[in-house]
Protein backbone atom coordinates (compact mmCIF):
# COMPACT_ATOMS: atom_id res chain seq x y z
CA UNK A 1 -52.10 -21.95 76.98
CA UNK A 2 -51.72 -21.91 73.64
CA UNK A 3 -48.44 -23.59 72.37
CA UNK A 4 -47.44 -21.39 70.12
CA UNK A 5 -46.88 -19.37 72.40
CA UNK A 6 -44.80 -21.30 74.85
CA UNK A 7 -41.79 -20.17 74.83
CA UNK A 8 -37.96 -21.63 75.51
CA UNK A 9 -37.54 -19.81 79.37
CA UNK A 10 -40.54 -18.60 80.35
CA UNK A 11 -42.23 -17.84 84.35
CA UNK A 12 -44.51 -20.35 85.83
CA UNK A 13 -46.45 -17.61 87.45
CA UNK A 14 -47.77 -18.97 91.18
CA UNK A 15 -49.12 -16.71 94.52
CA UNK A 16 -45.91 -16.18 95.92
CA UNK A 17 -48.13 -13.26 98.25
CA UNK A 18 -50.53 -14.72 99.01
CA UNK A 19 -49.46 -15.89 102.93
CA UNK A 20 -47.08 -14.41 104.69
CA UNK A 21 -46.29 -15.85 108.27
CA UNK A 22 -48.17 -14.69 110.74
CA UNK A 23 -51.43 -12.98 108.77
CA UNK A 24 -55.06 -13.98 108.70
CA UNK A 25 -55.48 -16.76 105.86
CA UNK A 26 -59.40 -17.10 105.29
CA UNK A 27 -59.23 -19.56 101.83
CA UNK A 28 -61.32 -22.92 102.93
CA UNK A 29 -58.45 -26.27 103.37
CA UNK A 30 -58.67 -28.08 99.18
CA UNK A 31 -60.08 -30.70 99.23
CA UNK A 32 -57.50 -33.63 99.41
CA UNK A 33 -58.63 -37.48 99.25
CA UNK A 34 -56.65 -39.10 102.37
CA UNK A 35 -53.86 -40.45 101.11
CA UNK A 36 -53.37 -44.40 100.35
CA UNK A 37 -50.61 -46.45 100.76
CA UNK A 38 -51.17 -48.56 97.27
CA UNK A 39 -47.37 -50.91 97.89
CA UNK A 40 -43.65 -50.93 99.41
CA UNK A 41 -40.21 -51.70 98.73
CA UNK A 42 -36.84 -51.39 100.08
CA UNK A 43 -34.08 -49.76 99.27
CA UNK A 44 -31.04 -51.03 100.50
CA UNK A 45 -27.58 -49.90 99.54
CA UNK A 46 -29.08 -47.90 96.84
CA UNK A 47 -30.15 -51.35 95.72
CA UNK A 48 -34.36 -51.14 94.39
CA UNK A 49 -35.77 -54.71 97.03
CA UNK A 50 -38.97 -56.08 96.01
CA UNK A 51 -39.68 -56.98 98.88
CA UNK A 52 -41.51 -54.52 102.53
CA UNK A 53 -37.97 -56.41 104.37
CA UNK A 54 -36.33 -52.73 105.30
CA UNK A 55 -39.45 -52.77 107.25
CA UNK A 56 -39.30 -51.54 110.66
CA UNK A 57 -41.44 -51.65 114.05
CA UNK A 58 -41.64 -48.83 117.03
CA UNK A 59 -40.27 -51.21 120.15
CA UNK A 60 -43.40 -50.24 122.98
CA UNK A 61 -42.01 -49.62 125.96
CA UNK A 62 -39.11 -47.07 124.21
CA UNK A 63 -35.54 -47.59 125.73
CA UNK A 64 -35.09 -45.59 129.35
CA UNK A 65 -33.17 -41.85 129.09
CA UNK A 66 -30.59 -40.66 128.45
CA UNK A 67 -29.36 -42.01 125.21
CA UNK A 68 -26.24 -41.47 123.92
CA UNK A 69 -26.04 -40.85 119.77
CA UNK A 70 -23.07 -41.04 119.53
CA UNK A 71 -22.66 -44.29 120.05
CA UNK A 72 -20.26 -46.66 117.63
CA UNK A 73 -20.72 -43.79 115.82
CA UNK A 74 -16.75 -43.76 114.96
CA UNK A 75 -18.27 -47.70 112.38
CA UNK A 76 -22.04 -45.79 110.78
CA UNK A 77 -22.53 -47.13 107.45
CA UNK A 78 -23.08 -43.78 105.52
CA UNK A 79 -24.96 -44.26 102.30
CA UNK A 80 -23.36 -45.12 99.26
CA UNK A 81 -23.31 -42.50 96.17
CA UNK A 82 -25.90 -42.15 94.01
CA UNK A 83 -25.73 -44.29 91.13
CA UNK A 84 -29.52 -43.11 89.41
CA UNK A 85 -31.97 -40.70 90.49
CA UNK A 86 -35.39 -40.96 93.40
CA UNK A 87 -37.81 -40.86 90.70
CA UNK A 88 -36.11 -44.08 89.33
CA UNK A 89 -37.34 -46.00 92.00
CA UNK A 90 -41.09 -44.90 91.61
CA UNK A 91 -40.33 -46.00 87.95
CA UNK A 92 -39.08 -49.42 89.48
CA UNK A 93 -41.50 -49.86 91.23
CA UNK A 94 -44.26 -48.82 88.64
CA UNK A 95 -42.74 -51.22 85.84
CA UNK A 96 -43.28 -54.00 88.13
CA UNK A 97 -47.28 -53.92 89.44
CA UNK A 98 -47.15 -52.34 85.31
CA UNK A 99 -50.75 -54.83 86.03
CA UNK A 100 -52.15 -52.22 87.34
CA UNK A 101 -51.15 -49.21 86.47
CA UNK A 102 -51.49 -48.89 83.26
CA UNK A 103 -54.19 -48.83 81.15
CA UNK A 104 -55.67 -48.48 77.55
CA UNK A 105 -57.00 -44.84 76.75
CA UNK A 106 -57.95 -45.20 73.24
CA UNK A 107 -55.12 -46.11 71.54
CA UNK A 108 -52.32 -45.24 73.87
CA UNK A 109 -51.46 -47.00 77.05
CA UNK A 110 -51.66 -43.92 80.47
CA UNK A 111 -50.66 -44.43 83.20
CA UNK A 112 -53.92 -42.77 84.74
CA UNK A 113 -52.23 -39.84 86.99
CA UNK A 114 -51.26 -36.84 86.47
CA UNK A 115 -48.41 -36.20 88.87
CA UNK A 116 -45.57 -39.50 89.44
CA UNK A 117 -43.38 -37.56 92.41
CA UNK A 118 -41.51 -38.73 95.59
CA UNK A 119 -43.55 -36.71 99.18
CA UNK A 120 -40.04 -35.05 99.84
CA UNK A 121 -40.20 -33.08 96.07
CA UNK A 122 -44.21 -31.96 97.02
CA UNK A 123 -42.69 -31.17 100.91
CA UNK A 124 -40.59 -29.03 99.27
CA UNK A 125 -43.41 -26.92 96.83
CA UNK A 126 -45.76 -26.41 99.80
CA UNK A 127 -42.78 -25.02 102.31
CA UNK A 128 -41.82 -22.05 100.16
CA UNK A 129 -43.60 -19.51 100.73
CA UNK A 130 -42.24 -19.27 103.47
CA UNK A 131 -38.56 -19.99 102.43
CA UNK A 132 -35.88 -16.47 101.32
CA UNK A 133 -32.86 -18.51 101.94
CA UNK A 134 -33.67 -22.02 99.98
CA UNK A 135 -33.72 -22.76 96.36
CA UNK A 136 -35.21 -25.82 95.09
CA UNK A 137 -34.73 -27.09 91.04
CA UNK A 138 -36.58 -29.97 89.50
CA UNK A 139 -36.83 -31.58 86.00
CA UNK A 140 -39.98 -32.29 84.61
CA UNK A 141 -41.15 -34.33 81.45
CA UNK A 142 -44.00 -35.44 80.39
CA UNK A 143 -45.04 -38.68 78.73
CA UNK A 144 -48.88 -39.86 77.70
CA UNK A 145 -50.28 -38.47 79.45
CA UNK A 146 -48.70 -38.13 83.11
CA UNK A 147 -45.78 -35.93 84.30
CA UNK A 148 -42.38 -36.88 86.69
CA UNK A 149 -41.02 -33.94 88.49
CA UNK A 150 -37.66 -35.64 89.69
CA UNK A 151 -35.54 -32.90 92.63
CA UNK A 152 -32.45 -31.54 90.63
CA UNK A 153 -28.71 -30.22 93.22
CA UNK A 154 -27.42 -26.51 91.87
CA UNK A 155 -23.95 -25.82 91.74
CA UNK A 156 -24.56 -24.02 95.36
CA UNK A 157 -26.16 -27.30 97.06
CA UNK A 158 -23.47 -29.29 95.70
CA UNK A 159 -20.51 -27.19 96.86
CA UNK A 160 -23.00 -27.20 100.77
CA UNK A 161 -23.01 -30.78 100.44
CA UNK A 162 -19.37 -31.21 99.26
CA UNK A 163 -18.08 -28.77 102.12
CA UNK A 164 -20.13 -30.48 104.86
CA UNK A 165 -18.05 -30.60 107.98
CA UNK A 166 -17.84 -33.64 110.40
CA UNK A 167 -19.64 -32.16 112.42
CA UNK A 168 -23.03 -31.91 109.67
CA UNK A 169 -22.48 -35.47 109.63
CA UNK A 170 -22.21 -36.24 113.42
CA UNK A 171 -25.47 -34.37 113.84
CA UNK A 172 -27.52 -36.71 110.78
CA UNK A 173 -26.45 -39.95 111.75
CA UNK A 174 -27.68 -38.45 115.02
CA UNK A 175 -30.84 -39.30 113.23
CA UNK A 176 -30.37 -43.10 112.74
CA UNK A 177 -28.80 -43.87 115.31
CA UNK A 178 -31.98 -42.40 116.99
CA UNK A 179 -34.52 -44.67 115.27
CA UNK A 180 -32.10 -47.81 115.87
CA UNK A 181 -33.12 -46.70 119.95
CA UNK A 182 -37.10 -46.69 118.94
CA UNK A 183 -37.35 -49.47 116.66
CA UNK A 184 -37.36 -53.29 115.76
CA UNK A 185 -38.03 -55.83 112.52
CA UNK A 186 -40.07 -57.79 114.89
CA UNK A 187 -42.60 -56.65 116.84
CA UNK A 188 -42.94 -56.89 120.84
CA UNK A 189 -38.27 -56.99 120.17
CA UNK A 190 -35.59 -55.40 122.06
CA UNK A 191 -33.82 -53.27 119.92
CA UNK A 192 -30.11 -54.06 118.48
CA UNK A 193 -27.86 -50.57 119.15
CA UNK A 194 -24.65 -52.64 118.49
CA UNK A 195 -25.03 -53.46 114.95
CA UNK A 196 -24.01 -50.61 113.12
CA UNK A 197 -25.65 -48.08 111.79
CA UNK A 198 -26.52 -48.55 108.09
CA UNK A 199 -27.38 -45.27 106.22
CA UNK A 200 -28.26 -47.19 102.79
CA UNK A 201 -30.59 -48.42 104.36
CA UNK A 202 -34.53 -47.72 103.54
CA UNK A 203 -38.11 -48.92 103.24
CA UNK A 204 -40.76 -46.71 100.90
CA UNK A 205 -44.20 -46.66 100.30
CA UNK A 206 -46.13 -45.43 97.42
CA UNK A 207 -49.05 -43.47 98.13
CA UNK A 208 -51.98 -42.76 95.33
CA UNK A 209 -54.16 -38.75 96.83
CA UNK A 210 -56.04 -36.13 94.85
CA UNK A 211 -56.60 -32.53 94.91
CA UNK A 212 -59.22 -30.90 93.56
CA UNK A 213 -59.12 -33.57 90.36
CA UNK A 214 -54.55 -33.32 89.79
CA UNK A 215 -54.00 -37.28 90.85
CA UNK A 216 -51.17 -37.45 92.75
CA UNK A 217 -48.75 -40.51 93.01
CA UNK A 218 -45.74 -40.38 95.26
CA UNK A 219 -43.31 -42.59 96.78
CA UNK A 220 -42.16 -41.72 100.74
CA UNK A 221 -38.97 -42.34 103.22
CA UNK A 222 -40.81 -44.71 105.77
CA UNK A 223 -39.65 -45.28 109.19
CA UNK A 224 -41.86 -47.48 111.05
CA UNK A 225 -45.34 -48.40 111.79
CA UNK A 226 -47.06 -49.61 115.08
CA UNK A 227 -48.01 -52.92 115.44
CA UNK A 228 -47.73 -56.21 117.76
CA UNK A 229 -47.75 -58.74 115.25
CA UNK A 230 -46.20 -58.66 111.59
CA UNK A 231 -47.61 -57.68 108.67
CA UNK A 232 -48.54 -59.58 105.81
CA UNK A 233 -47.49 -56.62 103.11
CA UNK A 234 -49.46 -59.17 100.26
CA UNK A 235 -52.72 -57.25 102.08
CA UNK A 236 -53.85 -54.83 99.83
CA UNK A 237 -55.89 -54.23 102.78
CA UNK A 238 -53.45 -54.49 105.27
CA UNK A 239 -51.57 -51.49 103.79
CA UNK A 240 -54.31 -48.94 103.96
CA UNK A 241 -54.71 -49.83 107.27
CA UNK A 242 -51.34 -49.06 108.02
CA UNK A 243 -50.51 -46.98 110.28
CA UNK A 244 -46.85 -45.18 109.70
CA UNK A 245 -44.61 -43.43 112.96
CA UNK A 246 -42.51 -40.95 112.23
CA UNK A 247 -39.44 -39.57 114.75
CA UNK A 248 -36.90 -37.04 114.44
CA UNK A 249 -34.18 -34.93 117.38
CA UNK A 250 -34.39 -31.76 117.71
CA UNK A 251 -33.69 -30.32 120.51
CA UNK A 252 -34.16 -30.21 124.00
CA UNK A 253 -33.13 -26.61 125.17
CA UNK A 254 -34.10 -24.91 122.44
CA UNK A 255 -32.84 -20.86 122.78
CA UNK A 256 -35.02 -18.13 121.63
CA UNK A 257 -33.60 -18.60 118.01
CA UNK A 258 -34.58 -22.17 117.73
CA UNK A 259 -37.27 -21.99 119.44
CA UNK A 260 -38.23 -19.16 116.25
CA UNK A 261 -36.47 -21.35 113.86
CA UNK A 262 -39.05 -24.03 115.22
CA UNK A 263 -42.32 -22.31 114.95
CA UNK A 264 -41.76 -20.41 111.98
CA UNK A 265 -40.62 -23.21 109.65
CA UNK A 266 -39.28 -26.48 110.63
CA UNK A 267 -42.83 -27.35 112.23
CA UNK A 268 -44.09 -26.44 108.83
CA UNK A 269 -41.78 -29.58 107.55
CA UNK A 270 -42.64 -31.51 109.88
CA UNK A 271 -46.44 -31.48 109.29
CA UNK A 272 -45.72 -30.95 105.22
CA UNK A 273 -44.34 -34.00 105.70
CA UNK A 274 -46.12 -35.99 108.28
CA UNK A 275 -49.57 -35.36 106.59
CA UNK A 276 -48.68 -36.11 103.21
CA UNK A 277 -48.97 -39.77 104.03
CA UNK A 278 -51.44 -39.56 106.42
CA UNK A 279 -49.15 -39.95 109.47
CA UNK A 280 -50.50 -38.56 112.79
CA UNK A 281 -47.97 -38.99 115.24
CA UNK A 282 -44.23 -38.17 115.70
CA UNK A 283 -41.68 -38.81 117.82
CA UNK A 284 -39.08 -36.59 118.58
CA UNK A 285 -35.65 -37.09 120.67
CA UNK A 286 -34.81 -33.99 122.37
CA UNK A 287 -30.71 -34.81 122.53
CA UNK A 288 -28.55 -31.86 124.08
CA UNK A 289 -25.70 -30.25 122.06
CA UNK A 290 -23.51 -33.47 122.52
CA UNK A 291 -26.26 -35.63 120.66
CA UNK A 292 -27.54 -36.78 124.32
CA UNK A 293 -31.20 -36.99 124.56
CA UNK A 294 -32.78 -36.78 127.52
CA UNK A 295 -36.86 -36.20 126.71
CA UNK A 296 -38.98 -38.31 123.74
CA UNK A 297 -41.54 -36.05 123.65
CA UNK A 298 -45.17 -36.78 121.07
CA UNK A 299 -46.64 -34.64 118.77
CA UNK A 300 -49.91 -34.87 117.67
CA UNK A 301 -49.82 -34.26 113.57
CA UNK A 302 -52.97 -31.79 113.54
CA UNK A 303 -52.11 -29.82 117.22
CA UNK A 304 -49.29 -28.63 114.44
CA UNK A 305 -51.49 -27.11 112.07
CA UNK A 306 -53.01 -25.27 115.00
CA UNK A 307 -52.46 -22.08 116.25
CA UNK A 308 -49.45 -21.32 113.66
CA UNK A 309 -47.74 -18.50 111.78
CA UNK A 310 -47.69 -19.83 108.53
CA UNK A 311 -51.10 -21.95 107.23
CA UNK A 312 -51.96 -25.59 106.06
CA UNK A 313 -54.41 -23.95 103.53
CA UNK A 314 -51.86 -21.76 101.55
CA UNK A 315 -49.25 -25.10 101.82
CA UNK A 316 -51.70 -26.58 99.67
CA UNK A 317 -52.55 -24.38 97.67
CA UNK A 318 -49.38 -23.39 97.07
CA UNK A 319 -48.44 -26.36 95.84
CA UNK A 320 -51.76 -27.33 93.20
CA UNK A 321 -51.81 -23.24 92.10
CA UNK A 322 -48.27 -24.76 90.71
CA UNK A 323 -49.76 -27.87 89.55
CA UNK A 324 -52.03 -26.41 87.29
CA UNK A 325 -49.78 -24.02 86.06
CA UNK A 326 -46.47 -26.40 85.48
CA UNK A 327 -49.45 -29.08 83.87
CA UNK A 328 -51.37 -26.96 80.94
CA UNK A 329 -46.66 -25.61 81.03
CA UNK A 330 -46.54 -29.16 80.53
CA UNK A 331 -49.70 -29.78 77.96
CA UNK A 332 -48.94 -27.03 76.08
CA UNK A 333 -45.14 -28.08 75.41
CA UNK A 334 -46.59 -31.74 74.27
CA UNK A 335 -43.42 -33.26 73.51
CA UNK A 336 -42.56 -36.50 75.44
CA UNK A 337 -38.53 -35.86 74.93
CA UNK A 338 -38.48 -31.61 75.91
CA UNK A 339 -37.30 -32.09 80.07
CA UNK A 340 -37.89 -29.16 82.06
CA UNK A 341 -35.64 -27.58 84.43
CA UNK A 342 -37.95 -25.26 87.03
CA UNK A 343 -36.55 -23.06 89.54
CA UNK A 344 -37.53 -21.75 92.15
CA UNK A 345 -36.10 -18.49 94.03
CA UNK A 346 -37.58 -17.87 96.52
CA UNK A 347 -35.34 -14.49 97.43
CA UNK A 348 -36.64 -13.31 94.11
CA UNK A 349 -40.90 -15.11 94.82
CA UNK A 350 -40.44 -15.98 91.57
CA UNK A 351 -40.53 -19.41 89.58
CA UNK A 352 -38.74 -19.83 86.47
CA UNK A 353 -38.02 -22.28 83.62
CA UNK A 354 -36.64 -23.51 80.61
CA UNK A 355 -36.89 -25.77 78.20
CA UNK A 356 -33.97 -28.87 77.39
CA UNK A 357 -34.09 -31.23 75.44
CA UNK A 358 -30.94 -34.29 74.26
CA UNK A 359 -30.54 -37.03 75.99
CA UNK A 360 -28.30 -36.05 78.44
CA UNK A 361 -31.32 -34.61 79.68
CA UNK A 362 -33.76 -36.97 79.68
CA UNK A 363 -35.35 -38.24 83.30
CA UNK A 364 -36.90 -41.04 81.71
CA UNK A 365 -35.01 -44.77 80.97
CA UNK A 366 -35.85 -46.18 78.18
CA UNK A 367 -36.77 -48.84 79.66
CA UNK A 368 -39.41 -47.12 81.23
CA UNK A 369 -40.59 -45.97 78.16
CA UNK A 370 -41.25 -48.80 76.59
CA UNK A 371 -44.30 -49.61 78.78
CA UNK A 372 -46.09 -47.60 76.88
CA UNK A 373 -45.16 -48.93 73.48
CA UNK A 374 -47.25 -51.52 72.23
C-alpha cells in the first residue's frame, strides 16, 4: 500500500462473504503454530501483580449436584471500574520481562512480534463474519515495527452496560460462582464456597503463536489448570506443559431458540476462545432458570468444531486476512503516534477506519514507549 494513497478515513477490505452458516468451505485450515504459554501474571481489584498468586486448580472429584449458584450472591464483590486499558496489563508484563522480549534490529529496539493484543480481541474478530448484530471497535497503533490492538466500547455498548438489569448481573455472577465450586487454591483441596466471590481476581497467561508468518503475542484470562501437585511457575518447561481448562455455564434444558443460538454462535465462541490458547477441555455447568446446576458436561474443544454450521478454517482465515490488511495499512501510515480507530459493522459487513491524532487518543503510555529509546 502506497503511503501517498492512505486517506484519514477509509475501508479495510476483508471477505465477509467467504463463508455463510451451513455452506461448504473447501479451503484448508491456515497454518498456525501451537500457542505457547510463556508467562503468567495476576490481577486483583484491577492491580497488576507480577506472579501467579491467583492460579486456581481444577478440583477432583467435582462437588455433588445440584449446585445453587445463588449461594452468597448478595455478598459478591464486583470488579472495580477500570483504571487503565486491558492492553496496558500486557504492556506491564512486557516491561517486567523486557530482557526476554526486546531485541536490537539495526539501530532500533524492537519487540520481535507483529501484533500485541488480548485473546478476546482475536476471538471477536474470528467470530464476526457470522454476526449480524454485534459490532466491534478497536484502537490500533504501530510503534517500532509492532502493531498494538486495544478494544474500545462503542457508545451503544456503554449504554447497554449502564442499563444492565439486576437479573443480568446475577447471571454474570453465576459463572464466577461456578468457578468457585470447581476450583481450589491448592491441588487436591476442597473448594471454599462460603467466602464471597471476588469478580476482580484474575490469572492471565501470555502466549506466542504464528499464523502463516504473522507473529502474535497475546494475553488471556485463564480459569484453572489441571495438576495434582503444586506447580513451579518460574520454570519455563512447566509453563509449556500446563494443562488449562475452561469453565462455562449454560442452559440445562435448552429450548429450540437456545439450541439454535448455541449451534450457530455460542459454540463458535467457545471453540475459538479455547483454540487460541490450546485448551482441549471445557466443563460447562448446565443450570436451570433459577441458577441451579443440574449437570456438569464435558466438551472436547476439537469436537465442538466438527459438523458445525460455522467453519473453523473460515474463522481463522478471516482473522489472518484482517491482520494482513491492517498490517499493510499501518505500515503505509508509518507514524508511531497515529492511532487508527477500526469499526467492524456487522450489519453492513464492512470495516471502516479513521486515523486519529492527539495525546488523548494514545493507547501506548509514555513509560512503555521509553523502553524502546536507546
